[in-house]
Amino acid sequence: MVNDLVSDPGTPECTGGTRLQQWRVTISRDPVNQPRYVERVLAHQFSMSREKAKRTRLEIFNQGQTEVAAGTRERMEALVQALHGYGLRATLGGPDQQ
């Protein structure tokens, strides 16, 4: 499930009316980062409420990973790089990976 954190409503359309497929960012659980730290990073990076950051953090730690954003490749690559800067285990999934 993709949380509506950074979904990109302005995704361009191809000629013919088909939407370009979006790239996805997934954060995975890791044994290094404390849950509260992950929650604070989510709240800061995505400008979300503490409650939403807590729900997302619980999803990461209970399910092992969760998709946190979807959009254009360039925006998602920048987001993954920013999350790596915080020490989180973030990965970029292509449009054909669901």
PDB file of N, CA and C in Angstrom:
ATOM      1  N   MET A   1       0.837  -1.175   0.000  1.00  0.00           N
ATOM      2  CA  MET A   1       0.000   0.000   0.000  1.00  0.00           C
ATOM      3  C   MET A   1       0.876   1.229   0.000  1.00  0.00           C
ATOM      4  N   VAL A   2       0.634   2.150  -0.862  1.00  0.00           N
ATOM      5  CA  VAL A   2       1.390   3.391  -0.917  1.00  0.00           C
ATOM      6  C   VAL A   2       0.685   4.416  -0.049  1.00  0.00           C
ATOM      7  N   ASN A   3       1.412   4.927   0.934  1.00  0.00           N
ATOM      8  CA  ASN A   3       0.867   6.014   1.730  1.00  0.00           C
ATOM      9  C   ASN A   3       0.848   7.262   0.875  1.00  0.00           C
ATOM     10  N   ASP A   4      -0.082   8.149   1.133  1.00  0.00           N
ATOM     11  CA  ASP A   4      -0.180   9.377   0.343  1.00  0.00           C
ATOM     12  C   ASP A   4       0.768  10.423   0.880  1.00  0.00           C
ATOM     13  N   LEU A   5       2.053  10.093   0.951  1.00  0.00           N
ATOM     14  CA  LEU A   5       3.020  11.033   1.484  1.00  0.00           C
ATOM     15  C   LEU A   5       3.560  11.922   0.396  1.00  0.00           C
ATOM     16  N   VAL A   6       4.006  11.335  -0.692  1.00  0.00           N
ATOM     17  CA  VAL A   6       4.599  12.114  -1.765  1.00  0.00           C
ATOM     18  C   VAL A   6       4.042  11.653  -3.098  1.00  0.00           C
ATOM     19  N   SER A   7       2.808  11.225  -3.131  1.00  0.00           N
ATOM     20  CA  SER A   7       2.279  10.833  -4.423  1.00  0.00           C
ATOM     21  C   SER A   7       2.237  12.063  -5.307  1.00  0.00           C
ATOM     22  N   ASP A   8       2.562  11.888  -6.546  1.00  0.00           N
ATOM     23  CA  ASP A   8       2.738  12.994  -7.474  1.00  0.00           C
ATOM     24  C   ASP A   8       1.520  13.104  -8.381  1.00  0.00           C
ATOM     25  N   PRO A   9       0.545  13.964  -8.012  1.00  0.00           N
ATOM     26  CA  PRO A   9      -0.653  14.053  -8.837  1.00  0.00           C
ATOM     27  C   PRO A   9      -0.384  14.666 -10.196  1.00  0.00           C
ATOM     28  N   GLY A  10       0.750  15.332 -10.367  1.00  0.00           N
ATOM     29  CA  GLY A  10       1.060  15.976 -11.637  1.00  0.00           C
ATOM     30  C   GLY A  10       1.865  15.095 -12.568  1.00  0.00           C
ATOM     31  N   THR A  11       1.705  13.787 -12.467  1.00  0.00           N
ATOM     32  CA  THR A  11       2.440  12.893 -13.354  1.00  0.00           C
ATOM     33  C   THR A  11       2.002  13.140 -14.791  1.00  0.00           C
ATOM     34  N   PRO A  12       2.955  13.396 -15.680  1.00  0.00           N
ATOM     35  CA  PRO A  12       2.579  13.703 -17.061  1.00  0.00           C
ATOM     36  C   PRO A  12       1.923  12.516 -17.752  1.00  0.00           C
ATOM     37  N   GLU A  13       1.130  12.818 -18.747  1.00  0.00           N
ATOM     38  CA  GLU A  13       0.464  11.774 -19.511  1.00  0.00           C
ATOM     39  C   GLU A  13       1.111  11.634 -20.881  1.00  0.00           C
ATOM     40  N   CYS A  14       1.138  10.424 -21.371  1.00  0.00           N
ATOM     41  CA  CYS A  14       1.644  10.164 -22.717  1.00  0.00           C
ATOM     42  C   CYS A  14       0.569  10.558 -23.723  1.00  0.00           C
ATOM     43  N   THR A  15       0.981  10.715 -24.967  1.00  0.00           N
ATOM     44  CA  THR A  15      -0.032  10.943 -25.996  1.00  0.00           C
ATOM     45  C   THR A  15      -0.853   9.670 -26.108  1.00  0.00           C
ATOM     46  N   GLY A  16      -2.110   9.804 -26.224  1.00  0.00           N
ATOM     47  CA  GLY A  16      -2.989   8.646 -26.244  1.00  0.00           C
ATOM     48  C   GLY A  16      -3.730   8.504 -24.928  1.00  0.00           C
ATOM     49  N   GLY A  17      -3.397   9.355 -23.927  1.00  0.00           N
ATOM     50  CA  GLY A  17      -4.146   9.379 -22.683  1.00  0.00           C
ATOM     51  C   GLY A  17      -3.722   8.374 -21.634  1.00  0.00           C
ATOM     52  N   THR A  18      -2.679   7.587 -21.847  1.00  0.00           N
ATOM     53  CA  THR A  18      -2.248   6.641 -20.826  1.00  0.00           C
ATOM     54  C   THR A  18      -1.277   7.334 -19.884  1.00  0.00           C
ATOM     55  N   ARG A  19      -1.438   7.106 -18.594  1.00  0.00           N
ATOM     56  CA  ARG A  19      -0.554   7.702 -17.598  1.00  0.00           C
ATOM     57  C   ARG A  19       0.796   6.999 -17.598  1.00  0.00           C
ATOM     58  N   LEU A  20       1.848   7.787 -17.425  1.00  0.00           N
ATOM     59  CA  LEU A  20       3.161   7.193 -17.237  1.00  0.00           C
ATOM     60  C   LEU A  20       3.158   6.459 -15.906  1.00  0.00           C
ATOM     61  N   GLN A  21       3.814   5.332 -15.853  1.00  0.00           N
ATOM     62  CA  GLN A  21       3.830   4.577 -14.617  1.00  0.00           C
ATOM     63  C   GLN A  21       4.777   5.224 -13.619  1.00  0.00           C
ATOM     64  N   GLN A  22       4.412   5.130 -12.358  1.00  0.00           N
ATOM     65  CA  GLN A  22       5.161   5.803 -11.309  1.00  0.00           C
ATOM     66  C   GLN A  22       6.184   4.883 -10.666  1.00  0.00           C
ATOM     67  N   TRP A  23       7.274   5.482 -10.216  1.00  0.00           N
ATOM     68  CA  TRP A  23       8.302   4.798  -9.463  1.00  0.00           C
ATOM     69  C   TRP A  23       7.927   4.874  -7.995  1.00  0.00           C
ATOM     70  N   ARG A  24       8.336   3.869  -7.224  1.00  0.00           N
ATOM     71  CA  ARG A  24       7.933   3.782  -5.818  1.00  0.00           C
ATOM     72  C   ARG A  24       9.136   3.710  -4.892  1.00  0.00           C
ATOM     73  N   VAL A  25       8.991   4.344  -3.735  1.00  0.00           N
ATOM     74  CA  VAL A  25      10.028   4.312  -2.698  1.00  0.00           C
ATOM     75  C   VAL A  25       9.519   3.442  -1.559  1.00  0.00           C
ATOM     76  N   THR A  26      10.344   2.490  -1.152  1.00  0.00           N
ATOM     77  CA  THR A  26      10.009   1.586  -0.056  1.00  0.00           C
ATOM     78  C   THR A  26      11.034   1.757   1.054  1.00  0.00           C
ATOM     79  N   ILE A  27      10.566   1.828   2.285  1.00  0.00           N
ATOM     80  CA  ILE A  27      11.460   1.833   3.446  1.00  0.00           C
ATOM     81  C   ILE A  27      11.331   0.482   4.112  1.00  0.00           C
ATOM     82  N   SER A  28      12.483  -0.142   4.387  1.00  0.00           N
ATOM     83  CA  SER A  28      12.507  -1.458   5.020  1.00  0.00           C
ATOM     84  C   SER A  28      12.986  -1.345   6.457  1.00  0.00           C
ATOM     85  N   ARG A  29      12.547  -2.294   7.267  1.00  0.00           N
ATOM     86  CA  ARG A  29      12.975  -2.353   8.667  1.00  0.00           C
ATOM     87  C   ARG A  29      14.446  -2.723   8.701  1.00  0.00           C
ATOM     88  N   ASP A  30      15.167  -2.125   9.625  1.00  0.00           N
ATOM     89  CA  ASP A  30      16.562  -2.508   9.822  1.00  0.00           C
ATOM     90  C   ASP A  30      16.848  -2.599  11.314  1.00  0.00           C
ATOM     91  N   PRO A  31      17.867  -3.348  11.695  1.00  0.00           N
ATOM     92  CA  PRO A  31      18.145  -3.559  13.115  1.00  0.00           C
ATOM     93  C   PRO A  31      18.891  -2.395  13.778  1.00  0.00           C
ATOM     94  N   VAL A  32      19.281  -1.391  13.022  1.00  0.00           N
ATOM     95  CA  VAL A  32      20.112  -0.319  13.558  1.00  0.00           C
ATOM     96  C   VAL A  32      19.289   0.842  14.102  1.00  0.00           C
ATOM     97  N   ASN A  33      18.348   1.337  13.313  1.00  0.00           N
ATOM     98  CA  ASN A  33      17.606   2.541  13.687  1.00  0.00           C
ATOM     99  C   ASN A  33      16.507   2.246  14.699  1.00  0.00           C
ATOM    100  N   GLN A  34      16.436   3.107  15.698  1.00  0.00           N
ATOM    101  CA  GLN A  34      15.393   2.998  16.710  1.00  0.00           C
ATOM    102  C   GLN A  34      14.052   3.435  16.118  1.00  0.00           C
ATOM    103  N   PRO A  35      12.963   2.815  16.540  1.00  0.00           N
ATOM    104  CA  PRO A  35      11.645   3.169  16.001  1.00  0.00           C
ATOM    105  C   PRO A  35      11.311   4.657  16.141  1.00  0.00           C
ATOM    106  N   ARG A  36      11.629   5.264  17.264  1.00  0.00           N
ATOM    107  CA  ARG A  36      11.324   6.686  17.463  1.00  0.00           C
ATOM    108  C   ARG A  36      12.105   7.567  16.486  1.00  0.00           C
ATOM    109  N   TYR A  37      13.334   7.172  16.177  1.00  0.00           N
ATOM    110  CA  TYR A  37      14.136   7.934  15.218  1.00  0.00           C
ATOM    111  C   TYR A  37      13.497   7.868  13.828  1.00  0.00           C
ATOM    112  N   VAL A  38      13.080   6.681  13.436  1.00  0.00           N
ATOM    113  CA  VAL A  38      12.422   6.514  12.136  1.00  0.00           C
ATOM    114  C   VAL A  38      11.158   7.368  12.086  1.00  0.00           C
ATOM    115  N   GLU A  39      10.410   7.370  13.163  1.00  0.00           N
ATOM    116  CA  GLU A  39       9.187   8.168  13.236  1.00  0.00           C
ATOM    117  C   GLU A  39       9.490   9.656  13.065  1.00  0.00           C
ATOM    118  N   ARG A  40      10.540  10.151  13.739  1.00  0.00           N
ATOM    119  CA  ARG A  40      10.905  11.566  13.625  1.00  0.00           C
ATOM    120  C   ARG A  40      11.367  11.918  12.221  1.00  0.00           C
ATOM    121  N   VAL A  41      12.134  11.017  11.587  1.00  0.00           N
ATOM    122  CA  VAL A  41      12.587  11.267  10.214  1.00  0.00           C
ATOM    123  C   VAL A  41      11.392  11.331   9.274  1.00  0.00           C
ATOM    124  N   LEU A  42      10.448  10.403   9.421  1.00  0.00           N
ATOM    125  CA  LEU A  42       9.255  10.413   8.575  1.00  0.00           C
ATOM    126  C   LEU A  42       8.472  11.708   8.752  1.00  0.00           C
ATOM    127  N   ALA A  43       8.294  12.127   9.997  1.00  0.00           N
ATOM    128  CA  ALA A  43       7.542  13.358  10.266  1.00  0.00           C
ATOM    129  C   ALA A  43       8.247  14.563   9.656  1.00  0.00           C
ATOM    130  N   HIS A  44       9.570  14.594   9.751  1.00  0.00           N
ATOM    131  CA  HIS A  44      10.326  15.732   9.219  1.00  0.00           C
ATOM    132  C   HIS A  44      10.390  15.703   7.695  1.00  0.00           C
ATOM    133  N   GLN A  45      10.764  14.573   7.124  1.00  0.00           N
ATOM    134  CA  GLN A  45      10.985  14.480   5.679  1.00  0.00           C
ATOM    135  C   GLN A  45       9.695  14.650   4.883  1.00  0.00           C
ATOM    136  N   PHE A  46       8.584  14.128   5.408  1.00  0.00           N
ATOM    137  CA  PHE A  46       7.325  14.169   4.680  1.00  0.00           C
ATOM    138  C   PHE A  46       6.338  15.199   5.241  1.00  0.00           C
ATOM    139  N   SER A  47       6.755  15.968   6.239  1.00  0.00           N
ATOM    140  CA  SER A  47       5.896  16.989   6.863  1.00  0.00           C
ATOM    141  C   SER A  47       4.545  16.410   7.261  1.00  0.00           C
ATOM    142  N   MET A  48       4.579  15.290   7.939  1.00  0.00           N
ATOM    143  CA  MET A  48       3.333  14.635   8.340  1.00  0.00           C
ATOM    144  C   MET A  48       3.131  14.784   9.845  1.00  0.00           C
ATOM    145  N   SER A  49       1.922  14.545  10.276  1.00  0.00           N
ATOM    146  CA  SER A  49       1.607  14.618  11.701  1.00  0.00           C
ATOM    147  C   SER A  49       2.313  13.487  12.436  1.00  0.00           C
ATOM    148  N   ARG A  50       2.428  13.646  13.743  1.00  0.00           N
ATOM    149  CA  ARG A  50       3.076  12.608  14.549  1.00  0.00           C
ATOM    150  C   ARG A  50       2.282  11.304  14.495  1.00  0.00           C
ATOM    151  N   GLU A  51       0.962  11.409  14.448  1.00  0.00           N
ATOM    152  CA  GLU A  51       0.127  10.210  14.405  1.00  0.00           C
ATOM    153  C   GLU A  51       0.343   9.428  13.106  1.00  0.00           C
ATOM    154  N   LYS A  52       0.398  10.147  11.986  1.00  0.00           N
ATOM    155  CA  LYS A  52       0.609   9.482  10.699  1.00  0.00           C
ATOM    156  C   LYS A  52       2.018   8.897  10.624  1.00  0.00           C
ATOM    157  N   ALA A  53       3.005   9.619  11.163  1.00  0.00           N
ATOM    158  CA  ALA A  53       4.371   9.101  11.195  1.00  0.00           C
ATOM    159  C   ALA A  53       4.443   7.836  12.049  1.00  0.00           C
ATOM    160  N   LYS A  54       3.706   7.827  13.142  1.00  0.00           N
ATOM    161  CA  LYS A  54       3.698   6.648  14.008  1.00  0.00           C
ATOM    162  C   LYS A  54       3.054   5.457  13.298  1.00  0.00           C
ATOM    163  N   ARG A  55       1.920   5.693  12.604  1.00  0.00           N
ATOM    164  CA  ARG A  55       1.263   4.600  11.856  1.00  0.00           C
ATOM    165  C   ARG A  55       2.183   4.034  10.779  1.00  0.00           C
ATOM    166  N   THR A  56       2.885   4.931  10.074  1.00  0.00           N
ATOM    167  CA  THR A  56       3.802   4.481   9.025  1.00  0.00           C
ATOM    168  C   THR A  56       4.962   3.711   9.622  1.00  0.00           C
ATOM    169  N   ARG A  57       5.496   4.204  10.727  1.00  0.00           N
ATOM    170  CA  ARG A  57       6.602   3.518  11.407  1.00  0.00           C
ATOM    171  C   ARG A  57       6.159   2.136  11.877  1.00  0.00           C
ATOM    172  N   LEU A  58       4.963   2.030  12.428  1.00  0.00           N
ATOM    173  CA  LEU A  58       4.461   0.723  12.869  1.00  0.00           C
ATOM    174  C   LEU A  58       4.294  -0.232  11.691  1.00  0.00           C
ATOM    175  N   GLU A  59       3.854   0.300  10.562  1.00  0.00           N
ATOM    176  CA  GLU A  59       3.724  -0.525   9.353  1.00  0.00           C
ATOM    177  C   GLU A  59       5.092  -1.068   8.925  1.00  0.00           C
ATOM    178  N   ILE A  60       6.114  -0.221   8.987  1.00  0.00           N
ATOM    179  CA  ILE A  60       7.473  -0.651   8.621  1.00  0.00           C
ATOM    180  C   ILE A  60       7.943  -1.748   9.560  1.00  0.00           C
ATOM    181  N   PHE A  61       7.765  -1.552  10.863  1.00  0.00           N
ATOM    182  CA  PHE A  61       8.302  -2.507  11.827  1.00  0.00           C
ATOM    183  C   PHE A  61       7.454  -3.763  11.954  1.00  0.00           C
ATOM    184  N   ASN A  62       6.168  -3.691  11.672  1.00  0.00           N
ATOM    185  CA  ASN A  62       5.315  -4.890  11.753  1.00  0.00           C
ATOM    186  C   ASN A  62       5.356  -5.722  10.481  1.00  0.00           C
ATOM    187  N   GLN A  63       5.391  -5.068   9.317  1.00  0.00           N
ATOM    188  CA  GLN A  63       5.360  -5.788   8.052  1.00  0.00           C
ATOM    189  C   GLN A  63       6.749  -5.971   7.439  1.00  0.00           C
ATOM    190  N   GLY A  64       7.742  -5.303   7.982  1.00  0.00           N
ATOM    191  CA  GLY A  64       9.093  -5.421   7.452  1.00  0.00           C
ATOM    192  C   GLY A  64       9.444  -4.344   6.444  1.00  0.00           C
ATOM    193  N   GLN A  65       8.451  -3.773   5.792  1.00  0.00           N
ATOM    194  CA  GLN A  65       8.682  -2.688   4.840  1.00  0.00           C
ATOM    195  C   GLN A  65       7.345  -2.075   4.460  1.00  0.00           C
ATOM    196  N   THR A  66       7.403  -0.889   3.905  1.00  0.00           N
ATOM    197  CA  THR A  66       6.196  -0.248   3.386  1.00  0.00           C
ATOM    198  C   THR A  66       6.571   0.767   2.317  1.00  0.00           C
ATOM    199  N   GLU A  67       5.694   0.928   1.358  1.00  0.00           N
ATOM    200  CA  GLU A  67       5.903   1.936   0.323  1.00  0.00           C
ATOM    201  C   GLU A  67       5.460   3.277   0.886  1.00  0.00           C
ATOM    202  N   VAL A  68       6.324   4.272   0.745  1.00  0.00           N
ATOM    203  CA  VAL A  68       6.031   5.572   1.337  1.00  0.00           C
ATOM    204  C   VAL A  68       5.797   6.670   0.317  1.00  0.00           C
ATOM    205  N   ALA A  69       6.153   6.444  -0.938  1.00  0.00           N
ATOM    206  CA  ALA A  69       5.983   7.492  -1.937  1.00  0.00           C
ATOM    207  C   ALA A  69       5.944   6.897  -3.332  1.00  0.00           C
ATOM    208  N   ALA A  70       5.318   7.639  -4.243  1.00  0.00           N
ATOM    209  CA  ALA A  70       5.279   7.261  -5.649  1.00  0.00           C
ATOM    210  C   ALA A  70       5.305   8.534  -6.477  1.00  0.00           C
ATOM    211  N   GLY A  71       6.025   8.484  -7.581  1.00  0.00           N
ATOM    212  CA  GLY A  71       6.108   9.657  -8.445  1.00  0.00           C
ATOM    213  C   GLY A  71       7.083   9.437  -9.577  1.00  0.00           C
ATOM    214  N   THR A  72       7.585  10.533 -10.120  1.00  0.00           N
ATOM    215  CA  THR A  72       8.523  10.430 -11.230  1.00  0.00           C
ATOM    216  C   THR A  72       9.850   9.875 -10.744  1.00  0.00           C
ATOM    217  N   ARG A  73      10.593   9.291 -11.655  1.00  0.00           N
ATOM    218  CA  ARG A  73      11.850   8.649 -11.295  1.00  0.00           C
ATOM    219  C   ARG A  73      12.817   9.625 -10.630  1.00  0.00           C
ATOM    220  N   GLU A  74      12.947  10.815 -11.183  1.00  0.00           N
ATOM    221  CA  GLU A  74      13.900  11.782 -10.659  1.00  0.00           C
ATOM    222  C   GLU A  74      13.552  12.193  -9.231  1.00  0.00           C
ATOM    223  N   ARG A  75      12.266  12.465  -8.979  1.00  0.00           N
ATOM    224  CA  ARG A  75      11.849  12.859  -7.626  1.00  0.00           C
ATOM    225  C   ARG A  75      12.053  11.720  -6.637  1.00  0.00           C
ATOM    226  N   MET A  76      11.764  10.497  -7.058  1.00  0.00           N
ATOM    227  CA  MET A  76      11.897   9.362  -6.152  1.00  0.00           C
ATOM    228  C   MET A  76      13.366   9.032  -5.887  1.00  0.00           C
ATOM    229  N   GLU A  77      14.234   9.200  -6.895  1.00  0.00           N
ATOM    230  CA  GLU A  77      15.669   9.003  -6.671  1.00  0.00           C
ATOM    231  C   GLU A  77      16.193  10.007  -5.654  1.00  0.00           C
ATOM    232  N   ALA A  78      15.750  11.262  -5.761  1.00  0.00           N
ATOM    233  CA  ALA A  78      16.172  12.286  -4.802  1.00  0.00           C
ATOM    234  C   ALA A  78      15.668  11.959  -3.398  1.00  0.00           C
ATOM    235  N   LEU A  79      14.453  11.444  -3.303  1.00  0.00           N
ATOM    236  CA  LEU A  79      13.904  11.073  -2.011  1.00  0.00           C
ATOM    237  C   LEU A  79      14.673   9.913  -1.383  1.00  0.00           C
ATOM    238  N   VAL A  80      15.003   8.907  -2.188  1.00  0.00           N
ATOM    239  CA  VAL A  80      15.782   7.774  -1.679  1.00  0.00           C
ATOM    240  C   VAL A  80      17.140   8.265  -1.165  1.00  0.00           C
ATOM    241  N   GLN A  81      17.763   9.149  -1.904  1.00  0.00           N
ATOM    242  CA  GLN A  81      19.056   9.690  -1.479  1.00  0.00           C
ATOM    243  C   GLN A  81      18.920  10.452  -0.157  1.00  0.00           C
ATOM    244  N   ALA A  82      17.864  11.223  -0.009  1.00  0.00           N
ATOM    245  CA  ALA A  82      17.639  11.962   1.239  1.00  0.00           C
ATOM    246  C   ALA A  82      17.422  11.002   2.405  1.00  0.00           C
ATOM    247  N   LEU A  83      16.640   9.938   2.180  1.00  0.00           N
ATOM    248  CA  LEU A  83      16.397   8.962   3.237  1.00  0.00           C
ATOM    249  C   LEU A  83      17.671   8.216   3.604  1.00  0.00           C
ATOM    250  N   HIS A  84      18.525   7.930   2.621  1.00  0.00           N
ATOM    251  CA  HIS A  84      19.821   7.309   2.909  1.00  0.00           C
ATOM    252  C   HIS A  84      20.670   8.235   3.773  1.00  0.00           C
ATOM    253  N   GLY A  85      20.547   9.541   3.548  1.00  0.00           N
ATOM    254  CA  GLY A  85      21.273  10.511   4.364  1.00  0.00           C
ATOM    255  C   GLY A  85      20.892  10.429   5.831  1.00  0.00           C
ATOM    256  N   TYR A  86      19.664  10.022   6.110  1.00  0.00           N
ATOM    257  CA  TYR A  86      19.214   9.826   7.492  1.00  0.00           C
ATOM    258  C   TYR A  86      19.567   8.434   8.013  1.00  0.00           C
ATOM    259  N   GLY A  87      20.127   7.600   7.157  1.00  0.00           N
ATOM    260  CA  GLY A  87      20.509   6.254   7.576  1.00  0.00           C
ATOM    261  C   GLY A  87      19.401   5.229   7.448  1.00  0.00           C
ATOM    262  N   LEU A  88      18.312   5.575   6.771  1.00  0.00           N
ATOM    263  CA  LEU A  88      17.218   4.617   6.600  1.00  0.00           C
ATOM    264  C   LEU A  88      17.483   3.725   5.394  1.00  0.00           C
ATOM    265  N   ARG A  89      16.925   2.547   5.438  1.00  0.00           N
ATOM    266  CA  ARG A  89      17.065   1.590   4.345  1.00  0.00           C
ATOM    267  C   ARG A  89      15.916   1.800   3.365  1.00  0.00           C
ATOM    268  N   ALA A  90      16.165   2.643   2.377  1.00  0.00           N
ATOM    269  CA  ALA A  90      15.149   2.975   1.383  1.00  0.00           C
ATOM    270  C   ALA A  90      15.579   2.431   0.025  1.00  0.00           C
ATOM    271  N   THR A  91      14.611   1.932  -0.725  1.00  0.00           N
ATOM    272  CA  THR A  91      14.894   1.415  -2.060  1.00  0.00           C
ATOM    273  C   THR A  91      13.920   2.004  -3.074  1.00  0.00           C
ATOM    274  N   LEU A  92      14.363   2.035  -4.311  1.00  0.00           N
ATOM    275  CA  LEU A  92      13.568   2.556  -5.403  1.00  0.00           C
ATOM    276  C   LEU A  92      13.080   1.398  -6.250  1.00  0.00           C
ATOM    277  N   GLY A  93      11.778   1.327  -6.463  1.00  0.00           N
ATOM    278  CA  GLY A  93      11.189   0.281  -7.287  1.00  0.00           C
ATOM    279  C   GLY A  93      10.674   0.865  -8.588  1.00  0.00           C
ATOM    280  N   GLY A  94      10.945   0.176  -9.673  1.00  0.00           N
ATOM    281  CA  GLY A  94      10.508   0.631 -10.973  1.00  0.00           C
ATOM    282  C   GLY A  94       9.018   0.485 -11.170  1.00  0.00           C
ATOM    283  N   PRO A  95       8.516   1.045 -12.249  1.00  0.00           N
ATOM    284  CA  PRO A  95       7.074   0.999 -12.493  1.00  0.00           C
ATOM    285  C   PRO A  95       6.544  -0.402 -12.755  1.00  0.00           C
ATOM    286  N   ASP A  96       7.409  -1.329 -13.149  1.00  0.00           N
ATOM    287  CA  ASP A  96       6.952  -2.692 -13.414  1.00  0.00           C
ATOM    288  C   ASP A  96       6.993  -3.561 -12.168  1.00  0.00           C
ATOM    289  N   GLN A  97       7.521  -3.045 -11.055  1.00  0.00           N
ATOM    290  CA  GLN A  97       7.596  -3.791  -9.796  1.00  0.00           C
ATOM    291  C   GLN A  97       6.445  -3.362  -8.907  1.00  0.00           C
ATOM    292  N   GLN A  98       5.589  -4.277  -8.549  1.00  0.00           N
ATOM    293  CA  GLN A  98       4.441  -3.936  -7.707  1.00  0.00           C
ATOM    294  C   GLN A  98       4.534  -4.609  -6.378  1.00  0.00           C
TER     295      GLN A  98
END
